[in-house]
Amino acid sequence: MTVNVIYLSKEGTVHATDSLIVDQLKNPVPASSGKAKIVALPDLQGAMSWFGTAALGQDWKATDWLITEAAKYKGKPPDEFAGLLAADLTDLFWKKTGSVLPKLGMGIHLTFYETVDGNQIPELIWITNFNTITALGSYKPEHGPGFVAQRQTFHTITKQTDFENHAKDAYRGIVADYLNLISPLYYQNGDILLTDPSATLTEQMIVNLMCRKELSTTDPLRIFGKRALYRAEIAALTQKVFSAANKIGVGTPCFNIIIPPTGAIITDTPTIPGML
């Protein structure tokens, strides 16, 4: 299981993940672990983070494949790039397994920016062959037999499912207004019961440090990056301390990536694949 946390805000976007790889029986695979499950996409001012299937046999690894796909389709518009990823994953899973098996599900969160009426507006496309994550972190593959790619921001705000329209300027403008006037958008896969309770505590601690004037930064985007990273780290620490060894699915080190609307992509952790 992966903890994968994303914030989309008016200041920018962030991704954070843990780095533990488990096999299909949910057993840790230390030899394959310890690396970010994030790939930076500087040409889109974006990133991809993934969860689910980490490997198919000995010759396919999820992060390596995403790096190759990013190079292969560099320069493509985001919607086209996401569609190609979905089609390639469907073809890959059929070739490797004979079907897109529910137990071999996978999800990719792809974020990027689009310019609408002079505003840089973040978007998230979810590329997946399942569409439900339970509170305990289990996945329910319901899309089959292939992967789909859908824009999520307007849907998250309004619950409207006319996804074919969500790239239109009018819809994107509503997303911009929501981010400016109401709140950031938050996305996560993984064990919600391990990560959500820590969120309220984190906010209280940040306020406390702010009142003491002890925060390392007051840059909102950098704070979002740290908040996302901390939620992944809390989940990993909780399992390390309290879970049976054969039940641990979230592990350190954790990684984050911080992406402003323009300018350099940065991280609080070791360099993420794809960063310039």
C-alpha atoms as a PDB file:
ATOM      1  CA  MET A   1       0.000   0.000   0.000  1.00  0.00           C
ATOM      2  CA  THR A   2       1.164   3.496  -0.797  1.00  0.00           C
ATOM      3  CA  VAL A   3       0.263   6.717   0.960  1.00  0.00           C
ATOM      4  CA  ASN A   4       0.012   9.302  -1.786  1.00  0.00           C
ATOM      5  CA  VAL A   5      -0.989  12.866  -0.788  1.00  0.00           C
ATOM      6  CA  ILE A   6      -1.647  15.791  -3.148  1.00  0.00           C
ATOM      7  CA  TYR A   7      -2.658  19.391  -2.470  1.00  0.00           C
ATOM      8  CA  LEU A   8      -3.836  21.759  -5.208  1.00  0.00           C
ATOM      9  CA  SER A   9      -3.931  25.355  -4.002  1.00  0.00           C
ATOM     10  CA  LYS A  10      -3.899  28.881  -5.383  1.00  0.00           C
ATOM     11  CA  GLU A  11      -0.209  29.003  -4.436  1.00  0.00           C
ATOM     12  CA  GLY A  12       0.726  25.799  -6.248  1.00  0.00           C
ATOM     13  CA  THR A  13       0.623  22.001  -6.088  1.00  0.00           C
ATOM     14  CA  VAL A  14       2.462  19.405  -4.012  1.00  0.00           C
ATOM     15  CA  HIS A  15       2.788  15.618  -4.009  1.00  0.00           C
ATOM     16  CA  ALA A  16       4.093  13.393  -1.212  1.00  0.00           C
ATOM     17  CA  THR A  17       4.504   9.619  -1.020  1.00  0.00           C
ATOM     18  CA  ASP A  18       6.114   6.968   1.098  1.00  0.00           C
ATOM     19  CA  SER A  19       8.650   4.628  -0.521  1.00  0.00           C
ATOM     20  CA  LEU A  20       7.874   1.090   0.596  1.00  0.00           C
ATOM     21  CA  ILE A  21       7.261  -1.503  -2.122  1.00  0.00           C
ATOM     22  CA  VAL A  22       5.190  -4.571  -1.282  1.00  0.00           C
ATOM     23  CA  ASP A  23       4.540  -7.647  -3.403  1.00  0.00           C
ATOM     24  CA  GLN A  24       1.138  -8.985  -4.451  1.00  0.00           C
ATOM     25  CA  LEU A  25       0.875 -10.778  -1.093  1.00  0.00           C
ATOM     26  CA  LYS A  26       1.444  -7.432   0.693  1.00  0.00           C
ATOM     27  CA  ASN A  27       4.889  -8.474   1.923  1.00  0.00           C
ATOM     28  CA  PRO A  28       7.589  -5.760   2.010  1.00  0.00           C
ATOM     29  CA  VAL A  29      10.261  -5.900  -0.700  1.00  0.00           C
ATOM     30  CA  PRO A  30      13.186  -3.976   0.855  1.00  0.00           C
ATOM     31  CA  ALA A  31      15.438  -4.414  -2.202  1.00  0.00           C
ATOM     32  CA  SER A  32      12.998  -2.415  -4.347  1.00  0.00           C
ATOM     33  CA  SER A  33      12.037   0.161  -1.711  1.00  0.00           C
ATOM     34  CA  GLY A  34      13.460   3.499  -0.616  1.00  0.00           C
ATOM     35  CA  LYS A  35      12.790   5.498  -3.794  1.00  0.00           C
ATOM     36  CA  ALA A  36      10.218   8.187  -4.564  1.00  0.00           C
ATOM     37  CA  LYS A  37       6.968   7.115  -6.223  1.00  0.00           C
ATOM     38  CA  ILE A  38       6.910  10.525  -7.935  1.00  0.00           C
ATOM     39  CA  VAL A  39       8.143  11.673 -11.352  1.00  0.00           C
ATOM     40  CA  ALA A  40       8.525  15.389 -12.084  1.00  0.00           C
ATOM     41  CA  LEU A  41       7.229  16.813 -15.380  1.00  0.00           C
ATOM     42  CA  PRO A  42       8.931  20.209 -15.768  1.00  0.00           C
ATOM     43  CA  ASP A  43       7.565  20.776 -19.293  1.00  0.00           C
ATOM     44  CA  LEU A  44       4.006  20.600 -17.876  1.00  0.00           C
ATOM     45  CA  GLN A  45       4.974  22.315 -14.610  1.00  0.00           C
ATOM     46  CA  GLY A  46       3.626  19.170 -13.034  1.00  0.00           C
ATOM     47  CA  ALA A  47       4.283  15.703 -11.675  1.00  0.00           C
ATOM     48  CA  MET A  48       2.968  12.133 -11.519  1.00  0.00           C
ATOM     49  CA  SER A  49       2.701  10.061  -8.363  1.00  0.00           C
ATOM     50  CA  TRP A  50       1.516   6.472  -8.421  1.00  0.00           C
ATOM     51  CA  PHE A  51       0.121   3.744  -6.211  1.00  0.00           C
ATOM     52  CA  GLY A  52      -0.922   0.123  -6.627  1.00  0.00           C
ATOM     53  CA  THR A  53       1.031  -2.317  -8.791  1.00  0.00           C
ATOM     54  CA  ALA A  54       4.767  -1.675  -8.418  1.00  0.00           C
ATOM     55  CA  ALA A  55       6.077  -4.389 -10.733  1.00  0.00           C
ATOM     56  CA  LEU A  56       5.028  -6.948 -13.312  1.00  0.00           C
ATOM     57  CA  GLY A  57       7.604  -9.702 -13.472  1.00  0.00           C
ATOM     58  CA  GLN A  58      11.279  -8.793 -13.407  1.00  0.00           C
ATOM     59  CA  ASP A  59      11.374  -6.384 -16.352  1.00  0.00           C
ATOM     60  CA  TRP A  60       8.689  -3.791 -15.521  1.00  0.00           C
ATOM     61  CA  LYS A  61       8.896  -1.331 -12.631  1.00  0.00           C
ATOM     62  CA  ALA A  62       6.295   1.396 -12.216  1.00  0.00           C
ATOM     63  CA  THR A  63       8.573   4.408 -11.633  1.00  0.00           C
ATOM     64  CA  ASP A  64      11.024   3.415 -14.377  1.00  0.00           C
ATOM     65  CA  TRP A  65       8.118   2.997 -16.788  1.00  0.00           C
ATOM     66  CA  LEU A  66       6.687   6.425 -15.932  1.00  0.00           C
ATOM     67  CA  ILE A  67      10.073   8.037 -16.516  1.00  0.00           C
ATOM     68  CA  THR A  68      10.241   6.368 -19.932  1.00  0.00           C
ATOM     69  CA  GLU A  69       6.660   7.389 -20.783  1.00  0.00           C
ATOM     70  CA  ALA A  70       7.342  10.997 -19.773  1.00  0.00           C
ATOM     71  CA  ALA A  71      10.302  11.146 -22.139  1.00  0.00           C
ATOM     72  CA  LYS A  72       8.425   9.308 -24.899  1.00  0.00           C
ATOM     73  CA  TYR A  73       5.473  11.712 -24.868  1.00  0.00           C
ATOM     74  CA  LYS A  74       7.256  14.923 -23.916  1.00  0.00           C
ATOM     75  CA  GLY A  75       5.584  17.891 -25.611  1.00  0.00           C
ATOM     76  CA  LYS A  76       2.116  16.317 -25.730  1.00  0.00           C
ATOM     77  CA  PRO A  77      -0.804  18.303 -24.249  1.00  0.00           C
ATOM     78  CA  PRO A  78      -1.749  17.012 -20.770  1.00  0.00           C
ATOM     79  CA  ASP A  79      -5.062  15.427 -21.805  1.00  0.00           C
ATOM     80  CA  GLU A  80      -3.414  13.619 -24.704  1.00  0.00           C
ATOM     81  CA  PHE A  81      -0.501  12.520 -22.508  1.00  0.00           C
ATOM     82  CA  ALA A  82      -2.916  11.156 -19.872  1.00  0.00           C
ATOM     83  CA  GLY A  83      -4.927   9.312 -22.517  1.00  0.00           C
ATOM     84  CA  LEU A  84      -1.784   7.728 -23.916  1.00  0.00           C
ATOM     85  CA  LEU A  85      -0.705   6.631 -20.438  1.00  0.00           C
ATOM     86  CA  ALA A  86      -4.100   4.991 -19.883  1.00  0.00           C
ATOM     87  CA  ALA A  87      -3.982   3.235 -23.264  1.00  0.00           C
ATOM     88  CA  ASP A  88      -0.386   2.082 -22.760  1.00  0.00           C
ATOM     89  CA  LEU A  89      -1.165   0.732 -19.278  1.00  0.00           C
ATOM     90  CA  THR A  90      -4.184  -1.174 -20.575  1.00  0.00           C
ATOM     91  CA  ASP A  91      -2.097  -2.713 -23.354  1.00  0.00           C
ATOM     92  CA  LEU A  92       0.754  -3.484 -20.949  1.00  0.00           C
ATOM     93  CA  PHE A  93      -1.436  -5.187 -18.355  1.00  0.00           C
ATOM     94  CA  TRP A  94      -3.155  -7.323 -21.005  1.00  0.00           C
ATOM     95  CA  LYS A  95       0.192  -8.402 -22.444  1.00  0.00           C
ATOM     96  CA  LYS A  96       1.735  -9.155 -19.045  1.00  0.00           C
ATOM     97  CA  THR A  97      -1.213 -10.863 -17.378  1.00  0.00           C
ATOM     98  CA  GLY A  98      -3.756 -11.804 -20.048  1.00  0.00           C
ATOM     99  CA  SER A  99      -6.248  -9.360 -18.522  1.00  0.00           C
ATOM    100  CA  VAL A 100      -6.428  -6.185 -16.464  1.00  0.00           C
ATOM    101  CA  LEU A 101      -6.788  -8.098 -13.223  1.00  0.00           C
ATOM    102  CA  PRO A 102      -8.457  -6.416 -10.235  1.00  0.00           C
ATOM    103  CA  LYS A 103      -5.615  -7.445  -7.901  1.00  0.00           C
ATOM    104  CA  LEU A 104      -3.175  -5.757 -10.248  1.00  0.00           C
ATOM    105  CA  GLY A 105      -4.817  -2.350 -10.130  1.00  0.00           C
ATOM    106  CA  MET A 106      -2.871   0.885 -10.364  1.00  0.00           C
ATOM    107  CA  GLY A 107      -3.537   4.584 -10.038  1.00  0.00           C
ATOM    108  CA  ILE A 108      -1.611   7.651 -11.215  1.00  0.00           C
ATOM    109  CA  HIS A 109      -2.215  11.216 -10.077  1.00  0.00           C
ATOM    110  CA  LEU A 110      -1.060  13.573 -12.841  1.00  0.00           C
ATOM    111  CA  THR A 111      -0.964  17.299 -12.022  1.00  0.00           C
ATOM    112  CA  PHE A 112      -0.201  20.237 -14.289  1.00  0.00           C
ATOM    113  CA  TYR A 113      -1.156  23.883 -14.939  1.00  0.00           C
ATOM    114  CA  GLU A 114      -3.244  25.462 -17.672  1.00  0.00           C
ATOM    115  CA  THR A 115      -3.471  29.145 -18.576  1.00  0.00           C
ATOM    116  CA  VAL A 116      -7.070  30.414 -18.700  1.00  0.00           C
ATOM    117  CA  ASP A 117      -7.779  34.157 -18.937  1.00  0.00           C
ATOM    118  CA  GLY A 118      -4.252  34.848 -17.757  1.00  0.00           C
ATOM    119  CA  ASN A 119      -4.556  32.598 -14.686  1.00  0.00           C
ATOM    120  CA  GLN A 120      -2.399  29.539 -14.052  1.00  0.00           C
ATOM    121  CA  ILE A 121      -4.917  26.937 -12.879  1.00  0.00           C
ATOM    122  CA  PRO A 122      -3.834  23.539 -11.490  1.00  0.00           C
ATOM    123  CA  GLU A 123      -5.535  20.350 -12.646  1.00  0.00           C
ATOM    124  CA  LEU A 124      -5.365  16.729 -11.530  1.00  0.00           C
ATOM    125  CA  ILE A 125      -6.092  13.802 -13.841  1.00  0.00           C
ATOM    126  CA  TRP A 126      -6.604  10.395 -12.243  1.00  0.00           C
ATOM    127  CA  ILE A 127      -5.456   7.515 -14.443  1.00  0.00           C
ATOM    128  CA  THR A 128      -6.700   4.223 -13.024  1.00  0.00           C
ATOM    129  CA  ASN A 129      -8.472   0.924 -13.498  1.00  0.00           C
ATOM    130  CA  PHE A 130     -10.238   1.234 -10.153  1.00  0.00           C
ATOM    131  CA  ASN A 131     -12.313   4.038  -8.702  1.00  0.00           C
ATOM    132  CA  THR A 132     -12.988   3.305  -5.041  1.00  0.00           C
ATOM    133  CA  ILE A 133     -10.643   3.341  -2.051  1.00  0.00           C
ATOM    134  CA  THR A 134     -12.030   2.184   1.288  1.00  0.00           C
ATOM    135  CA  ALA A 135     -11.272   3.864   4.613  1.00  0.00           C
ATOM    136  CA  LEU A 136      -8.936   0.985   5.432  1.00  0.00           C
ATOM    137  CA  GLY A 137      -6.889   1.516   2.296  1.00  0.00           C
ATOM    138  CA  SER A 138      -8.260  -1.301   0.165  1.00  0.00           C
ATOM    139  CA  TYR A 139      -8.918  -0.715  -3.548  1.00  0.00           C
ATOM    140  CA  LYS A 140     -12.056  -1.743  -5.416  1.00  0.00           C
ATOM    141  CA  PRO A 141     -11.363  -2.130  -9.142  1.00  0.00           C
ATOM    142  CA  GLU A 142     -14.587  -1.222 -10.919  1.00  0.00           C
ATOM    143  CA  HIS A 143     -13.494   0.384 -14.166  1.00  0.00           C
ATOM    144  CA  GLY A 144     -12.158  -2.686 -16.035  1.00  0.00           C
ATOM    145  CA  PRO A 145     -11.301  -3.974 -18.441  1.00  0.00           C
ATOM    146  CA  GLY A 146      -8.979  -1.027 -19.009  1.00  0.00           C
ATOM    147  CA  PHE A 147      -7.547   2.167 -17.585  1.00  0.00           C
ATOM    148  CA  VAL A 148      -9.348   5.505 -17.832  1.00  0.00           C
ATOM    149  CA  ALA A 149      -8.080   9.077 -17.473  1.00  0.00           C
ATOM    150  CA  GLN A 150     -10.407  11.680 -15.970  1.00  0.00           C
ATOM    151  CA  ARG A 151     -10.021  15.280 -14.867  1.00  0.00           C
ATOM    152  CA  GLN A 152     -10.872  15.575 -11.198  1.00  0.00           C
ATOM    153  CA  THR A 153     -10.874  19.193  -9.957  1.00  0.00           C
ATOM    154  CA  PHE A 154     -14.266  20.381 -11.238  1.00  0.00           C
ATOM    155  CA  HIS A 155     -15.754  16.993 -10.355  1.00  0.00           C
ATOM    156  CA  THR A 156     -14.362  17.240  -6.808  1.00  0.00           C
ATOM    157  CA  ILE A 157     -15.971  20.643  -6.311  1.00  0.00           C
ATOM    158  CA  THR A 158     -19.356  19.988  -7.936  1.00  0.00           C
ATOM    159  CA  LYS A 159     -19.667  16.165  -8.192  1.00  0.00           C
ATOM    160  CA  GLN A 160     -20.694  16.644 -11.833  1.00  0.00           C
ATOM    161  CA  THR A 161     -19.696  13.734 -14.053  1.00  0.00           C
ATOM    162  CA  ASP A 162     -19.792  15.300 -17.529  1.00  0.00           C
ATOM    163  CA  PHE A 163     -16.031  14.785 -17.643  1.00  0.00           C
ATOM    164  CA  GLU A 164     -15.816  15.491 -21.374  1.00  0.00           C
ATOM    165  CA  ASN A 165     -16.587  19.156 -20.608  1.00  0.00           C
ATOM    166  CA  HIS A 166     -14.270  19.711 -17.673  1.00  0.00           C
ATOM    167  CA  ALA A 167     -11.413  21.079 -19.778  1.00  0.00           C
ATOM    168  CA  LYS A 168     -13.553  24.017 -20.973  1.00  0.00           C
ATOM    169  CA  ASP A 169     -12.500  27.488 -19.869  1.00  0.00           C
ATOM    170  CA  ALA A 170     -15.764  28.140 -18.012  1.00  0.00           C
ATOM    171  CA  TYR A 171     -15.301  25.011 -15.882  1.00  0.00           C
ATOM    172  CA  ARG A 172     -11.638  25.759 -15.257  1.00  0.00           C
ATOM    173  CA  GLY A 173     -12.571  29.287 -14.197  1.00  0.00           C
ATOM    174  CA  ILE A 174     -14.821  27.835 -11.487  1.00  0.00           C
ATOM    175  CA  VAL A 175     -11.877  25.783 -10.226  1.00  0.00           C
ATOM    176  CA  ALA A 176      -9.734  28.946 -10.083  1.00  0.00           C
ATOM    177  CA  ASP A 177     -12.452  30.803  -8.159  1.00  0.00           C
ATOM    178  CA  TYR A 178     -12.833  27.913  -5.724  1.00  0.00           C
ATOM    179  CA  LEU A 179      -9.099  27.803  -5.004  1.00  0.00           C
ATOM    180  CA  ASN A 180      -8.929  31.580  -4.595  1.00  0.00           C
ATOM    181  CA  LEU A 181     -12.048  32.023  -2.470  1.00  0.00           C
ATOM    182  CA  ILE A 182     -12.749  28.823  -0.567  1.00  0.00           C
ATOM    183  CA  SER A 183     -10.009  26.248  -0.008  1.00  0.00           C
ATOM    184  CA  PRO A 184      -7.314  24.046  -1.518  1.00  0.00           C
ATOM    185  CA  LEU A 185      -8.251  20.682  -2.995  1.00  0.00           C
ATOM    186  CA  TYR A 186      -6.849  17.605  -1.307  1.00  0.00           C
ATOM    187  CA  TYR A 187      -6.386  14.140  -2.817  1.00  0.00           C
ATOM    188  CA  GLN A 188      -5.125  10.956  -1.248  1.00  0.00           C
ATOM    189  CA  ASN A 189      -5.054   7.251  -1.712  1.00  0.00           C
ATOM    190  CA  GLY A 190      -4.059   4.832   0.984  1.00  0.00           C
ATOM    191  CA  ASP A 191      -5.113   4.260   4.556  1.00  0.00           C
ATOM    192  CA  ILE A 192      -7.350   7.224   5.371  1.00  0.00           C
ATOM    193  CA  LEU A 193      -7.736   6.129   9.007  1.00  0.00           C
ATOM    194  CA  LEU A 194      -3.959   6.331   9.448  1.00  0.00           C
ATOM    195  CA  THR A 195      -3.586   9.754   7.840  1.00  0.00           C
ATOM    196  CA  ASP A 196      -6.719  11.830   8.387  1.00  0.00           C
ATOM    197  CA  PRO A 197      -6.656  11.936  12.211  1.00  0.00           C
ATOM    198  CA  SER A 198      -3.173  13.446  12.059  1.00  0.00           C
ATOM    199  CA  ALA A 199      -4.408  16.317   9.869  1.00  0.00           C
ATOM    200  CA  THR A 200      -6.265  18.150  12.653  1.00  0.00           C
ATOM    201  CA  LEU A 201      -3.342  17.659  15.003  1.00  0.00           C
ATOM    202  CA  THR A 202      -0.961  19.003  12.354  1.00  0.00           C
ATOM    203  CA  GLU A 203      -3.043  22.153  11.857  1.00  0.00           C
ATOM    204  CA  GLN A 204      -3.071  22.781  15.611  1.00  0.00           C
ATOM    205  CA  MET A 205       0.693  22.354  15.831  1.00  0.00           C
ATOM    206  CA  ILE A 206       1.289  24.691  12.880  1.00  0.00           C
ATOM    207  CA  VAL A 207      -0.904  27.365  14.505  1.00  0.00           C
ATOM    208  CA  ASN A 208       0.990  26.911  17.761  1.00  0.00           C
ATOM    209  CA  LEU A 209       4.358  27.335  16.050  1.00  0.00           C
ATOM    210  CA  MET A 210       3.031  30.315  14.099  1.00  0.00           C
ATOM    211  CA  CYS A 211       1.932  32.020  17.328  1.00  0.00           C
ATOM    212  CA  ARG A 212       5.393  31.387  18.774  1.00  0.00           C
ATOM    213  CA  LYS A 213       6.974  32.746  15.574  1.00  0.00           C
ATOM    214  CA  GLU A 214       8.943  29.518  15.281  1.00  0.00           C
ATOM    215  CA  LEU A 215       7.905  28.346  11.793  1.00  0.00           C
ATOM    216  CA  SER A 216      10.795  27.635   9.445  1.00  0.00           C
ATOM    217  CA  THR A 217       8.850  29.355   6.655  1.00  0.00           C
ATOM    218  CA  THR A 218       5.609  31.275   6.208  1.00  0.00           C
ATOM    219  CA  ASP A 219       5.511  30.572   2.467  1.00  0.00           C
ATOM    220  CA  PRO A 220       2.076  28.900   2.035  1.00  0.00           C
ATOM    221  CA  LEU A 221       3.252  26.589  -0.754  1.00  0.00           C
ATOM    222  CA  ARG A 222       6.250  25.387   1.251  1.00  0.00           C
ATOM    223  CA  ILE A 223       3.921  24.765   4.197  1.00  0.00           C
ATOM    224  CA  PHE A 224       1.605  22.712   1.954  1.00  0.00           C
ATOM    225  CA  GLY A 225       4.639  20.676   0.890  1.00  0.00           C
ATOM    226  CA  LYS A 226       5.576  19.997   4.493  1.00  0.00           C
ATOM    227  CA  ARG A 227       1.983  19.166   5.436  1.00  0.00           C
ATOM    228  CA  ALA A 228       1.750  16.565   2.676  1.00  0.00           C
ATOM    229  CA  LEU A 229       5.111  15.063   3.588  1.00  0.00           C
ATOM    230  CA  TYR A 230       4.200  14.927   7.276  1.00  0.00           C
ATOM    231  CA  ARG A 231       0.971  13.041   6.598  1.00  0.00           C
ATOM    232  CA  ALA A 232       2.899  10.338   4.745  1.00  0.00           C
ATOM    233  CA  GLU A 233       5.530  10.209   7.497  1.00  0.00           C
ATOM    234  CA  ILE A 234       2.913   9.919  10.257  1.00  0.00           C
ATOM    235  CA  ALA A 235       1.334   6.915   8.516  1.00  0.00           C
ATOM    236  CA  ALA A 236       4.743   5.268   8.099  1.00  0.00           C
ATOM    237  CA  LEU A 237       5.728   5.908  11.730  1.00  0.00           C
ATOM    238  CA  THR A 238       2.396   4.617  13.055  1.00  0.00           C
ATOM    239  CA  GLN A 239       2.807   1.336  11.195  1.00  0.00           C
ATOM    240  CA  LYS A 240       6.478   1.030  12.189  1.00  0.00           C
ATOM    241  CA  VAL A 241       5.632   1.385  15.878  1.00  0.00           C
ATOM    242  CA  PHE A 242       2.326  -0.478  16.138  1.00  0.00           C
ATOM    243  CA  SER A 243       1.856  -2.842  13.163  1.00  0.00           C
ATOM    244  CA  ALA A 244       2.968  -6.444  12.906  1.00  0.00           C
ATOM    245  CA  ALA A 245       5.990  -6.768  10.621  1.00  0.00           C
ATOM    246  CA  ASN A 246       4.028  -8.633   7.950  1.00  0.00           C
ATOM    247  CA  LYS A 247       1.306  -5.954   7.935  1.00  0.00           C
ATOM    248  CA  ILE A 248       3.454  -2.910   7.246  1.00  0.00           C
ATOM    249  CA  GLY A 249       2.627  -1.342   3.885  1.00  0.00           C
ATOM    250  CA  VAL A 250       3.823   2.250   4.383  1.00  0.00           C
ATOM    251  CA  GLY A 251       7.484   2.996   4.926  1.00  0.00           C
ATOM    252  CA  THR A 252      10.190   5.618   5.035  1.00  0.00           C
ATOM    253  CA  PRO A 253      11.871   7.528   3.616  1.00  0.00           C
ATOM    254  CA  CYS A 254       9.004   9.700   2.420  1.00  0.00           C
ATOM    255  CA  PHE A 255       9.326  12.198  -0.422  1.00  0.00           C
ATOM    256  CA  ASN A 256       7.656  15.398  -1.554  1.00  0.00           C
ATOM    257  CA  ILE A 257       7.685  17.688  -4.573  1.00  0.00           C
ATOM    258  CA  ILE A 258       6.573  21.334  -4.567  1.00  0.00           C
ATOM    259  CA  ILE A 259       5.443  22.927  -7.828  1.00  0.00           C
ATOM    260  CA  PRO A 260       4.673  26.653  -8.161  1.00  0.00           C
ATOM    261  CA  PRO A 261       2.654  27.909 -11.159  1.00  0.00           C
ATOM    262  CA  THR A 262       5.914  29.121 -12.713  1.00  0.00           C
ATOM    263  CA  GLY A 263       9.560  28.666 -11.876  1.00  0.00           C
ATOM    264  CA  ALA A 264      11.665  25.891 -10.429  1.00  0.00           C
ATOM    265  CA  ILE A 265      10.187  22.678  -9.038  1.00  0.00           C
ATOM    266  CA  ILE A 266      11.668  22.000  -5.585  1.00  0.00           C
ATOM    267  CA  THR A 267      11.630  19.345  -2.863  1.00  0.00           C
ATOM    268  CA  ASP A 268      12.333  19.058   0.857  1.00  0.00           C
ATOM    269  CA  THR A 269      13.719  15.563   0.263  1.00  0.00           C
ATOM    270  CA  PRO A 270      16.301  13.952  -2.036  1.00  0.00           C
ATOM    271  CA  THR A 271      15.919  14.782  -5.711  1.00  0.00           C
ATOM    272  CA  ILE A 272      12.826  13.425  -7.456  1.00  0.00           C
ATOM    273  CA  PRO A 273      13.218  11.720 -10.880  1.00  0.00           C
ATOM    274  CA  GLY A 274      12.641  14.204 -13.682  1.00  0.00           C
ATOM    275  CA  MET A 275      13.621  17.323 -11.720  1.00  0.00           C
ATOM    276  CA  LEU A 276      15.918  19.681 -13.577  1.00  0.00           C
END
